[in-house]
Amino acid sequence: MSFTYKINQKKSHCIIALEGNLLDKPSATGLLNEIDNLVADRHKSFVIDLSALMHINSNGLNVLISILTKSRNAGG
């Protein structure tokens, strides 16, 4: 199963639903680019929904840490 995601923007935060297998950073490049755009638009709080995520490894964990770092650097 491949990796997909959906972003639902709310007023105070964004919900990011991850689905499938998050096993490498290149498969999440689109997600990280969208996070950059959201942070540039002053969104800084994110909720990560992992309920449909089947597998994650250390590379996938690095993607989640990148999102955390971007949020914290923006003041979230």
Protein backbone atom coordinates (compact mmCIF):
# COMPACT_ATOMS: atom_id res chain seq x y z
CA MET A 1 0.00 0.00 0.00
CA SER A 2 1.40 3.38 -0.98
CA PHE A 3 1.47 6.53 1.13
CA THR A 4 -1.28 9.14 0.83
CA TYR A 5 -2.43 12.04 2.96
CA LYS A 6 -5.30 14.51 3.31
CA ILE A 7 -5.13 17.93 4.92
CA ASN A 8 -8.23 19.47 6.45
CA GLN A 9 -7.77 23.13 7.39
CA LYS A 10 -9.65 24.44 10.40
CA LYS A 11 -9.54 27.94 11.84
CA SER A 12 -7.03 27.24 14.60
CA HIS A 13 -5.24 24.14 13.25
CA CYS A 14 -4.84 21.72 10.36
CA ILE A 15 -5.65 18.02 10.57
CA ILE A 16 -3.28 15.84 8.55
CA ALA A 17 -4.57 12.31 7.97
CA LEU A 18 -1.87 9.85 6.91
CA GLU A 19 -2.72 6.59 5.17
CA GLY A 20 -0.72 3.61 4.00
CA ASN A 21 3.01 3.08 4.48
CA LEU A 22 5.32 5.96 5.38
CA LEU A 23 8.69 4.40 4.69
CA ASP A 24 10.79 7.09 3.02
CA LYS A 25 11.09 10.85 2.77
CA PRO A 26 10.72 11.07 -1.05
CA SER A 27 7.19 9.63 -0.84
CA ALA A 28 6.28 12.46 1.56
CA THR A 29 7.82 15.31 -0.45
CA GLY A 30 4.39 16.61 -1.46
CA LEU A 31 3.24 16.59 2.16
CA LEU A 32 6.32 18.48 3.34
CA ASN A 33 5.89 21.05 0.55
CA GLU A 34 2.27 21.60 1.58
CA ILE A 35 3.36 22.01 5.22
CA ASP A 36 5.82 24.68 4.08
CA ASN A 37 2.99 26.47 2.26
CA LEU A 38 0.69 26.24 5.27
CA VAL A 39 3.37 27.62 7.58
CA ALA A 40 3.97 30.47 5.12
CA ASP A 41 0.21 31.18 5.30
CA ARG A 42 0.52 31.45 9.11
CA HIS A 43 -0.80 27.99 10.00
CA LYS A 44 1.34 26.68 12.83
CA SER A 45 -0.69 24.05 14.67
CA PHE A 46 -1.11 20.58 13.22
CA VAL A 47 -2.94 17.47 14.38
CA ILE A 48 -1.57 14.26 12.86
CA ASP A 49 -4.14 11.47 12.41
CA LEU A 50 -2.27 8.16 12.29
CA SER A 51 -5.33 5.90 12.50
CA ALA A 52 -5.02 4.73 8.85
CA LEU A 53 -1.22 4.56 8.80
CA MET A 54 -0.27 0.90 8.37
CA HIS A 55 3.55 1.00 8.66
CA ILE A 56 6.17 3.58 9.54
CA ASN A 57 9.95 3.23 9.87
CA SER A 58 12.73 5.56 11.00
CA ASN A 59 12.62 7.47 7.70
CA GLY A 60 8.89 8.00 8.12
CA LEU A 61 9.43 9.11 11.70
CA ASN A 62 11.88 11.70 10.36
CA VAL A 63 9.03 13.12 8.25
CA LEU A 64 6.90 13.54 11.39
CA ILE A 65 9.81 15.18 13.21
CA SER A 66 10.22 17.57 10.27
CA ILE A 67 6.57 18.60 10.59
CA LEU A 68 7.05 19.14 14.34
CA THR A 69 10.15 21.24 13.75
CA LYS A 70 8.45 23.39 11.11
CA SER A 71 5.52 23.96 13.47
CA ARG A 72 7.73 24.86 16.43
CA ASN A 73 9.86 27.22 14.34
CA ALA A 74 6.65 29.01 13.32
CA GLY A 75 5.60 29.39 16.96
CA GLY A 76 3.22 26.45 17.10
